[in-house]
């Protein structure tokens, strides 16, 4: 969707010398309800938007990680299937703990 020049404005904050892009977007009613619920919990509009962008950034980082290591991931999945066929399984709670630790390590690095 292209935006008209009237819908996009750039605002300059002279205090910290940052430019802000202001734009009008259309959201679905269910998306609006999510935003309203977040704001009803005490978050400001800026906090809601900041959290949304943080989630989008995390999502993109996870996609980048998966795409970079696609072949290695495929090999690990294949190895896991072979281990399962041999009966070499991990307890579900242990698997969750291992995955959480790996995720935490990725975010630290």
Foldseek 3Di string as FASTA:
>chain_A
DDDDPVFWDWDADPVVGDIDIGGDDDDDPVVVVVQVVVVVVPDDPVRVVVVVVVVVVVVVVVVVVCVVCVVVVVVVVVVVVVCVVVVNDDDPVVVVVVVVVVVVVVVVD
